[in-house]
Amino acid sequence: MSDWFRPERAAVLAVDLQGENLREGAWPVEGYPGVLSNAQKVLAACRRAGFPIIYTRHWLEPRGTDAQRYESLDDRSRPLHSVAGSPLGEICPEVSPQERDIVIDKQRFTAFYGTKLDLVLNRMDIEHLIIFGVWTEACLETTVGMPSGAIFGSRW
C-alpha cells in the first residue's frame, strides 16, 4: 500500500442507492438489481475493513419547493422522483444504512452543494473517499468533479 493512502482517514460514499432506480421509478437504472448485489458486497467488505459508511439520498420536498427550476413535475407541480418520505425515495433495503452509518440528503446532483457532507468529512478528519453508486453522468461526476472545496477552500 502506498504511503499517501491512510485507511484510518478514509470513508465510503454510497451515492443514491434508492428504490426509485428500479423499474417502477421515474428513471430506472438498467441492471439495477445487479448494481444492488454488487453494492452489498462492496459495503460488506468496507465495513469489515472498518471504513465509515456515508450514504447520499436525492431527497426533494414533496411540494417541489426545492426542486431545480426545470425539474420534471407532475400535474400538481410535485417532483416525479426522489420525493422525501416516499417508499421509492428511500435507500433500498438490500443496502440499507446500519446504525452507525450517516445519510446525507441532497437536492442537487452533487453530494456537496447545499448539504452537510463537507462538515461531516472534516469533522471525521477524512482525506480519502471511496465512492460508488448510480447516475455516473450526473451524481457521481458532479460529486467527484466539483466538490465544495473547489469553491470554498476546504480540502473537499
C-alpha atoms as a PDB file:
ATOM      1  CA  MET A   1       0.000   0.000   0.000  1.00  0.00           C
ATOM      2  CA  SER A   2       1.220   3.463  -0.857  1.00  0.00           C
ATOM      3  CA  ASP A   3       2.340   5.889   1.852  1.00  0.00           C
ATOM      4  CA  TRP A   4      -0.151   8.525   0.699  1.00  0.00           C
ATOM      5  CA  PHE A   5      -3.259   6.419   1.414  1.00  0.00           C
ATOM      6  CA  ARG A   6      -4.072   6.145   5.097  1.00  0.00           C
ATOM      7  CA  PRO A   7      -7.019   3.777   5.685  1.00  0.00           C
ATOM      8  CA  GLU A   8      -7.804   5.383   9.029  1.00  0.00           C
ATOM      9  CA  ARG A   9      -8.524   8.628   7.146  1.00  0.00           C
ATOM     10  CA  ALA A  10     -10.810   7.028   4.528  1.00  0.00           C
ATOM     11  CA  ALA A  11     -14.595   6.735   4.262  1.00  0.00           C
ATOM     12  CA  VAL A  12     -17.055   5.229   1.795  1.00  0.00           C
ATOM     13  CA  LEU A  13     -19.654   7.316  -0.039  1.00  0.00           C
ATOM     14  CA  ALA A  14     -22.572   5.281  -1.454  1.00  0.00           C
ATOM     15  CA  VAL A  15     -24.480   7.510  -3.876  1.00  0.00           C
ATOM     16  CA  ASP A  16     -28.251   7.355  -4.434  1.00  0.00           C
ATOM     17  CA  LEU A  17     -28.973   3.637  -3.989  1.00  0.00           C
ATOM     18  CA  GLN A  18     -32.692   4.372  -3.825  1.00  0.00           C
ATOM     19  CA  GLY A  19     -35.758   2.335  -4.710  1.00  0.00           C
ATOM     20  CA  GLU A  20     -36.745   4.744  -7.477  1.00  0.00           C
ATOM     21  CA  ASN A  21     -33.936   3.314  -9.597  1.00  0.00           C
ATOM     22  CA  LEU A  22     -35.933   0.096 -10.012  1.00  0.00           C
ATOM     23  CA  ARG A  23     -38.269  -0.377 -12.967  1.00  0.00           C
ATOM     24  CA  GLU A  24     -41.205   1.341 -11.239  1.00  0.00           C
ATOM     25  CA  GLY A  25     -39.279   4.589 -10.728  1.00  0.00           C
ATOM     26  CA  ALA A  26     -39.467   7.650 -12.990  1.00  0.00           C
ATOM     27  CA  TRP A  27     -35.985   6.988 -14.437  1.00  0.00           C
ATOM     28  CA  PRO A  28     -34.990   3.358 -13.872  1.00  0.00           C
ATOM     29  CA  VAL A  29     -31.347   2.287 -13.877  1.00  0.00           C
ATOM     30  CA  GLU A  30     -30.590  -0.544 -16.283  1.00  0.00           C
ATOM     31  CA  GLY A  31     -29.436  -3.657 -14.428  1.00  0.00           C
ATOM     32  CA  TYR A  32     -30.172  -2.125 -11.026  1.00  0.00           C
ATOM     33  CA  PRO A  33     -30.659  -5.467  -9.193  1.00  0.00           C
ATOM     34  CA  GLY A  34     -27.074  -6.324 -10.186  1.00  0.00           C
ATOM     35  CA  VAL A  35     -25.902  -2.910  -9.007  1.00  0.00           C
ATOM     36  CA  LEU A  36     -27.535  -3.567  -5.634  1.00  0.00           C
ATOM     37  CA  SER A  37     -25.941  -7.015  -5.408  1.00  0.00           C
ATOM     38  CA  ASN A  38     -22.505  -5.548  -6.087  1.00  0.00           C
ATOM     39  CA  ALA A  39     -23.159  -2.675  -3.677  1.00  0.00           C
ATOM     40  CA  GLN A  40     -23.970  -5.198  -0.926  1.00  0.00           C
ATOM     41  CA  LYS A  41     -20.585  -6.858  -1.469  1.00  0.00           C
ATOM     42  CA  VAL A  42     -18.710  -3.546  -1.505  1.00  0.00           C
ATOM     43  CA  LEU A  43     -20.446  -2.307   1.638  1.00  0.00           C
ATOM     44  CA  ALA A  44     -19.791  -5.584   3.469  1.00  0.00           C
ATOM     45  CA  ALA A  45     -16.094  -5.501   2.560  1.00  0.00           C
ATOM     46  CA  CYS A  46     -15.777  -1.841   3.558  1.00  0.00           C
ATOM     47  CA  ARG A  47     -17.491  -2.487   6.889  1.00  0.00           C
ATOM     48  CA  ARG A  48     -15.129  -5.416   7.564  1.00  0.00           C
ATOM     49  CA  ALA A  49     -12.219  -3.080   6.810  1.00  0.00           C
ATOM     50  CA  GLY A  50     -13.609  -0.570   9.309  1.00  0.00           C
ATOM     51  CA  PHE A  51     -14.378   2.263   6.913  1.00  0.00           C
ATOM     52  CA  PRO A  52     -17.165   4.647   7.930  1.00  0.00           C
ATOM     53  CA  ILE A  53     -20.103   4.489   5.506  1.00  0.00           C
ATOM     54  CA  ILE A  54     -21.900   7.600   4.282  1.00  0.00           C
ATOM     55  CA  TYR A  55     -24.948   7.391   2.014  1.00  0.00           C
ATOM     56  CA  THR A  56     -26.408  10.125  -0.145  1.00  0.00           C
ATOM     57  CA  ARG A  57     -30.070  10.248  -0.979  1.00  0.00           C
ATOM     58  CA  HIS A  58     -31.610  12.566  -3.579  1.00  0.00           C
ATOM     59  CA  TRP A  59     -34.497  13.863  -1.472  1.00  0.00           C
ATOM     60  CA  LEU A  60     -36.913  16.542  -2.633  1.00  0.00           C
ATOM     61  CA  GLU A  61     -39.639  18.222  -0.597  1.00  0.00           C
ATOM     62  CA  PRO A  62     -42.993  16.701  -1.641  1.00  0.00           C
ATOM     63  CA  ARG A  63     -44.330  20.078  -2.829  1.00  0.00           C
ATOM     64  CA  GLY A  64     -41.294  20.527  -5.076  1.00  0.00           C
ATOM     65  CA  THR A  65     -40.179  23.786  -3.455  1.00  0.00           C
ATOM     66  CA  ASP A  66     -36.527  22.692  -3.519  1.00  0.00           C
ATOM     67  CA  ALA A  67     -36.573  21.056  -6.968  1.00  0.00           C
ATOM     68  CA  GLN A  68     -34.482  22.537  -9.750  1.00  0.00           C
ATOM     69  CA  ARG A  69     -36.186  25.166 -11.867  1.00  0.00           C
ATOM     70  CA  TYR A  70     -36.684  22.864 -14.866  1.00  0.00           C
ATOM     71  CA  GLU A  71     -37.284  19.669 -12.879  1.00  0.00           C
ATOM     72  CA  SER A  72     -39.948  17.402 -14.342  1.00  0.00           C
ATOM     73  CA  LEU A  73     -43.085  17.728 -12.224  1.00  0.00           C
ATOM     74  CA  ASP A  74     -46.468  16.052 -12.137  1.00  0.00           C
ATOM     75  CA  ASP A  75     -49.761  17.854 -12.805  1.00  0.00           C
ATOM     76  CA  ARG A  76     -49.795  19.157  -9.219  1.00  0.00           C
ATOM     77  CA  SER A  77     -46.228  20.569  -9.513  1.00  0.00           C
ATOM     78  CA  ARG A  78     -44.695  17.794  -7.426  1.00  0.00           C
ATOM     79  CA  PRO A  79     -41.420  16.038  -8.303  1.00  0.00           C
ATOM     80  CA  LEU A  80     -41.660  12.809 -10.293  1.00  0.00           C
ATOM     81  CA  HIS A  81     -38.844  11.215  -8.293  1.00  0.00           C
ATOM     82  CA  SER A  82     -36.816  11.464  -5.078  1.00  0.00           C
ATOM     83  CA  VAL A  83     -39.773  12.595  -3.004  1.00  0.00           C
ATOM     84  CA  ALA A  84     -38.928  12.839   0.690  1.00  0.00           C
ATOM     85  CA  GLY A  85     -40.776  10.199   2.667  1.00  0.00           C
ATOM     86  CA  SER A  86     -41.890   8.163  -0.341  1.00  0.00           C
ATOM     87  CA  PRO A  87     -41.086   4.441  -0.374  1.00  0.00           C
ATOM     88  CA  LEU A  88     -39.248   4.746  -3.719  1.00  0.00           C
ATOM     89  CA  GLY A  89     -37.190   7.655  -2.393  1.00  0.00           C
ATOM     90  CA  GLU A  90     -35.769   5.538   0.426  1.00  0.00           C
ATOM     91  CA  ILE A  91     -32.458   3.709   0.201  1.00  0.00           C
ATOM     92  CA  CYS A  92     -33.102   0.136  -0.927  1.00  0.00           C
ATOM     93  CA  PRO A  93     -33.437  -2.384   1.900  1.00  0.00           C
ATOM     94  CA  GLU A  94     -30.755  -4.601   0.321  1.00  0.00           C
ATOM     95  CA  VAL A  95     -28.165  -1.912   1.077  1.00  0.00           C
ATOM     96  CA  SER A  96     -29.903  -0.001   3.858  1.00  0.00           C
ATOM     97  CA  PRO A  97     -27.816   2.061   6.265  1.00  0.00           C
ATOM     98  CA  GLN A  98     -26.832   0.498   9.557  1.00  0.00           C
ATOM     99  CA  GLU A  99     -26.972   2.229  12.917  1.00  0.00           C
ATOM    100  CA  ARG A 100     -23.554   3.911  12.707  1.00  0.00           C
ATOM    101  CA  ASP A 101     -23.884   4.929   9.049  1.00  0.00           C
ATOM    102  CA  ILE A 102     -24.592   8.506   8.018  1.00  0.00           C
ATOM    103  CA  VAL A 103     -27.237   9.574   5.480  1.00  0.00           C
ATOM    104  CA  ILE A 104     -26.825  12.883   3.669  1.00  0.00           C
ATOM    105  CA  ASP A 105     -29.914  14.228   1.921  1.00  0.00           C
ATOM    106  CA  LYS A 106     -29.287  16.306  -1.198  1.00  0.00           C
ATOM    107  CA  GLN A 107     -31.418  18.295  -3.603  1.00  0.00           C
ATOM    108  CA  ARG A 108     -28.915  18.548  -6.438  1.00  0.00           C
ATOM    109  CA  PHE A 109     -26.742  16.046  -8.296  1.00  0.00           C
ATOM    110  CA  THR A 110     -23.565  16.707  -6.317  1.00  0.00           C
ATOM    111  CA  ALA A 111     -23.358  15.389  -2.774  1.00  0.00           C
ATOM    112  CA  PHE A 112     -21.642  18.606  -1.674  1.00  0.00           C
ATOM    113  CA  TYR A 113     -23.828  21.512  -2.808  1.00  0.00           C
ATOM    114  CA  GLY A 114     -26.164  22.647  -0.055  1.00  0.00           C
ATOM    115  CA  THR A 115     -25.510  19.597   2.157  1.00  0.00           C
ATOM    116  CA  LYS A 116     -23.587  18.924   5.345  1.00  0.00           C
ATOM    117  CA  LEU A 117     -21.222  16.424   3.679  1.00  0.00           C
ATOM    118  CA  ASP A 118     -18.235  18.772   3.817  1.00  0.00           C
ATOM    119  CA  LEU A 119     -18.815  19.379   7.538  1.00  0.00           C
ATOM    120  CA  VAL A 120     -19.160  15.657   8.251  1.00  0.00           C
ATOM    121  CA  LEU A 121     -15.987  14.733   6.346  1.00  0.00           C
ATOM    122  CA  ASN A 122     -13.979  17.468   8.024  1.00  0.00           C
ATOM    123  CA  ARG A 123     -15.299  16.518  11.475  1.00  0.00           C
ATOM    124  CA  MET A 124     -14.288  12.904  10.828  1.00  0.00           C
ATOM    125  CA  ASP A 125     -10.872  14.073   9.510  1.00  0.00           C
ATOM    126  CA  ILE A 126     -11.370  12.157   6.264  1.00  0.00           C
ATOM    127  CA  GLU A 127      -8.802  12.568   3.478  1.00  0.00           C
ATOM    128  CA  HIS A 128      -9.847   9.754   1.128  1.00  0.00           C
ATOM    129  CA  LEU A 129     -13.254   8.820  -0.261  1.00  0.00           C
ATOM    130  CA  ILE A 130     -14.164   5.506  -1.827  1.00  0.00           C
ATOM    131  CA  ILE A 131     -17.156   6.459  -3.973  1.00  0.00           C
ATOM    132  CA  PHE A 132     -19.657   4.277  -5.810  1.00  0.00           C
ATOM    133  CA  GLY A 133     -23.323   4.369  -6.713  1.00  0.00           C
ATOM    134  CA  VAL A 134     -25.601   5.253  -9.601  1.00  0.00           C
ATOM    135  CA  TRP A 135     -26.114   8.081 -12.066  1.00  0.00           C
ATOM    136  CA  THR A 136     -22.456   8.222 -13.081  1.00  0.00           C
ATOM    137  CA  GLU A 137     -23.041  11.003 -15.634  1.00  0.00           C
ATOM    138  CA  ALA A 138     -24.754  13.233 -13.072  1.00  0.00           C
ATOM    139  CA  CYS A 139     -24.465  12.472  -9.369  1.00  0.00           C
ATOM    140  CA  LEU A 140     -21.102  10.695  -9.298  1.00  0.00           C
ATOM    141  CA  GLU A 141     -19.466  13.010 -11.822  1.00  0.00           C
ATOM    142  CA  THR A 142     -20.530  16.206 -10.080  1.00  0.00           C
ATOM    143  CA  THR A 143     -19.626  14.874  -6.643  1.00  0.00           C
ATOM    144  CA  VAL A 144     -16.136  13.872  -7.745  1.00  0.00           C
ATOM    145  CA  GLY A 145     -15.537  16.679 -10.233  1.00  0.00           C
ATOM    146  CA  MET A 146     -16.633  19.830  -8.421  1.00  0.00           C
ATOM    147  CA  PRO A 147     -16.761  19.441  -4.654  1.00  0.00           C
ATOM    148  CA  SER A 148     -17.437  22.459  -2.466  1.00  0.00           C
ATOM    149  CA  GLY A 149     -13.769  22.809  -1.516  1.00  0.00           C
ATOM    150  CA  ALA A 150     -13.034  23.953  -5.059  1.00  0.00           C
ATOM    151  CA  ILE A 151     -15.146  26.984  -4.284  1.00  0.00           C
ATOM    152  CA  PHE A 152     -14.899  27.461  -0.538  1.00  0.00           C
ATOM    153  CA  GLY A 153     -11.331  26.397   0.202  1.00  0.00           C
ATOM    154  CA  SER A 154     -11.772  23.289   2.375  1.00  0.00           C
ATOM    155  CA  ARG A 155      -9.952  20.105   1.451  1.00  0.00           C
ATOM    156  CA  TRP A 156     -13.092  18.918  -0.373  1.00  0.00           C
END
